[in-house]
Amino acid sequence: MKLNLTPGALEAIVEESIKRKIGARGLRSIMEDSILDIMYQIPSEKNIEECTITKEVVKERRMPEIKRYREGLRKETA
């Protein structure tokens, strides 16, 4: 699975870290807060190709954009 972060998502993470007055470890905390729900959901779904984190995911706690393999076109992984 490929994880994408949009430029807006990166800016939102930085803005949140400045607002909270936290350093690099805080960036990890913000990311985890943003994707906590899907961290448990995605591993059980074998048909997910890409997950894109946007500004709205970070700021508004929306669900990330998920791209799934089309039936019959699933890539094999080693």
Protein backbone atom coordinates (compact mmCIF):
# COMPACT_ATOMS: atom_id res chain seq x y z
CA MET A 1 0.00 0.00 0.00
CA LYS A 2 1.19 3.49 -0.84
CA LEU A 3 0.72 6.34 1.65
CA ASN A 4 0.48 9.84 0.14
CA LEU A 5 0.48 13.17 1.94
CA THR A 6 -0.66 16.21 0.02
CA PRO A 7 1.24 19.50 0.38
CA GLY A 8 -1.79 20.85 2.25
CA ALA A 9 -1.63 17.96 4.71
CA LEU A 10 2.04 18.65 5.41
CA GLU A 11 1.28 22.34 5.99
CA ALA A 12 -1.59 21.45 8.34
CA ILE A 13 0.67 19.12 10.35
CA VAL A 14 3.31 21.87 10.69
CA GLU A 15 0.68 24.47 11.66
CA GLU A 16 -0.70 22.12 14.32
CA SER A 17 2.78 21.47 15.73
CA ILE A 18 3.44 25.22 15.95
CA LYS A 19 0.07 25.75 17.62
CA ARG A 20 0.84 23.02 20.19
CA LYS A 21 4.46 24.22 20.57
CA ILE A 22 5.85 20.74 20.01
CA GLY A 23 8.90 19.45 18.16
CA ALA A 24 9.60 16.51 15.86
CA ARG A 25 8.08 13.93 18.21
CA GLY A 26 4.95 16.01 18.23
CA LEU A 27 4.73 15.73 14.44
CA ARG A 28 4.46 11.98 14.88
CA SER A 29 1.71 12.47 17.44
CA ILE A 30 -0.26 14.70 15.06
CA MET A 31 0.09 12.14 12.27
CA GLU A 32 -1.06 9.32 14.54
CA ASP A 33 -4.06 11.36 15.66
CA SER A 34 -4.96 11.96 12.01
CA ILE A 35 -4.80 8.34 10.91
CA LEU A 36 -5.61 6.41 14.09
CA ASP A 37 -8.87 4.96 12.79
CA ILE A 38 -7.43 3.74 9.51
CA MET A 39 -4.26 2.32 11.11
CA TYR A 40 -6.44 -0.50 12.40
CA GLN A 41 -8.80 -0.72 9.41
CA ILE A 42 -6.36 -0.82 6.49
CA PRO A 43 -4.28 -3.90 7.41
CA SER A 44 -7.39 -6.09 7.37
CA GLU A 45 -8.45 -4.84 3.92
CA LYS A 46 -6.26 -6.51 1.31
CA ASN A 47 -7.63 -4.55 -1.66
CA ILE A 48 -6.30 -1.10 -0.72
CA GLU A 49 -3.75 0.31 -3.16
CA GLU A 50 -3.28 3.89 -1.91
CA CYS A 51 -4.22 6.07 1.04
CA THR A 52 -3.99 9.85 0.67
CA ILE A 53 -3.85 12.16 3.69
CA THR A 54 -5.19 15.63 2.94
CA LYS A 55 -5.44 18.89 4.87
CA GLU A 56 -9.04 17.99 5.77
CA VAL A 57 -7.92 14.70 7.31
CA VAL A 58 -5.51 16.55 9.60
CA LYS A 59 -7.63 19.62 10.43
CA GLU A 60 -11.19 18.25 10.32
CA ARG A 61 -10.61 14.58 11.16
CA ARG A 62 -12.15 13.48 7.84
CA MET A 63 -11.45 10.03 6.45
CA PRO A 64 -8.49 9.82 4.06
CA GLU A 65 -8.96 9.16 0.38
CA ILE A 66 -8.68 5.41 -0.20
CA LYS A 67 -7.96 3.91 -3.60
CA ARG A 68 -8.80 0.23 -3.89
CA TYR A 69 -7.69 -2.31 -6.46
CA ARG A 70 -10.36 -3.11 -8.97
CA GLU A 71 -11.52 -6.71 -8.83
CA GLY A 72 -9.26 -8.91 -10.93
CA LEU A 73 -6.52 -6.27 -11.18
CA ARG A 74 -4.99 -6.73 -7.76
CA LYS A 75 -1.22 -6.42 -7.71
CA GLU A 76 0.73 -9.29 -6.25
CA THR A 77 3.20 -8.38 -3.51
CA ALA A 78 6.35 -10.27 -2.61
